[in-house]
Amino acid sequence: MRIILVLIIISLLLAIGFLTAFFWAVNDGQYDDDFTPSIRILFDDEKHPQNKL
């Protein structure tokens, strides 16, 4: 029966840790730009030279 209590406490600590990391990422501005990632794939970052055989 004790193992169930230990597992519940560990899972609650993990959940609080993930929730804290999520709020930290939101406050840090991780999710501010939601438009650019969707169009980034449409543009090439660098030009690749043509391989001539």
Protein backbone atom coordinates (compact mmCIF):
# COMPACT_ATOMS: atom_id res chain seq x y z
CA MET A 1 0.00 0.00 0.00
CA ARG A 2 2.93 2.31 0.66
CA ILE A 3 4.19 1.95 -2.89
CA ILE A 4 0.96 3.45 -4.22
CA LEU A 5 1.46 6.52 -2.06
CA VAL A 6 5.09 6.81 -3.20
CA LEU A 7 4.07 6.52 -6.84
CA ILE A 8 1.33 9.14 -6.41
CA ILE A 9 3.79 11.55 -4.79
CA ILE A 10 6.38 10.99 -7.53
CA SER A 11 3.78 11.48 -10.27
CA LEU A 12 2.54 14.70 -8.65
CA LEU A 13 6.11 16.02 -8.42
CA LEU A 14 6.67 15.20 -12.09
CA ALA A 15 3.42 16.88 -13.08
CA ILE A 16 4.34 20.01 -11.12
CA GLY A 17 7.76 19.99 -12.78
CA PHE A 18 6.28 19.78 -16.28
CA LEU A 19 3.72 22.47 -15.46
CA THR A 20 6.49 24.74 -14.19
CA ALA A 21 8.55 24.13 -17.35
CA PHE A 22 5.52 24.93 -19.50
CA PHE A 23 4.81 28.21 -17.71
CA TRP A 24 8.50 29.11 -17.90
CA ALA A 25 8.49 28.52 -21.68
CA VAL A 26 5.34 30.61 -22.13
CA ASN A 27 6.73 33.49 -20.07
CA ASP A 28 10.06 33.28 -21.91
CA GLY A 29 8.30 33.92 -25.24
CA GLN A 30 8.67 30.43 -26.69
CA TYR A 31 5.17 30.46 -28.20
CA ASP A 32 4.90 34.11 -29.28
CA ASP A 33 5.45 33.65 -33.04
CA ASP A 34 2.92 31.20 -34.42
CA PHE A 35 2.89 32.43 -38.03
CA THR A 36 6.53 32.17 -39.15
CA PRO A 37 7.01 28.42 -38.53
CA SER A 38 4.09 27.62 -40.80
CA ILE A 39 5.60 29.50 -43.77
CA ARG A 40 9.28 28.80 -43.06
CA ILE A 41 9.17 25.55 -45.04
CA LEU A 42 8.11 27.45 -48.17
CA PHE A 43 11.35 29.43 -48.41
CA ASP A 44 14.90 28.20 -48.98
CA ASP A 45 17.45 29.36 -46.44
CA GLU A 46 20.47 29.07 -48.69
CA LYS A 47 21.11 28.46 -52.34
CA HIS A 48 22.67 25.16 -53.27
CA PRO A 49 25.12 25.13 -56.18
CA GLN A 50 24.19 23.05 -59.20
CA ASN A 51 26.21 19.86 -59.49
CA LYS A 52 27.60 19.61 -63.00
CA LEU A 53 28.66 16.17 -64.09
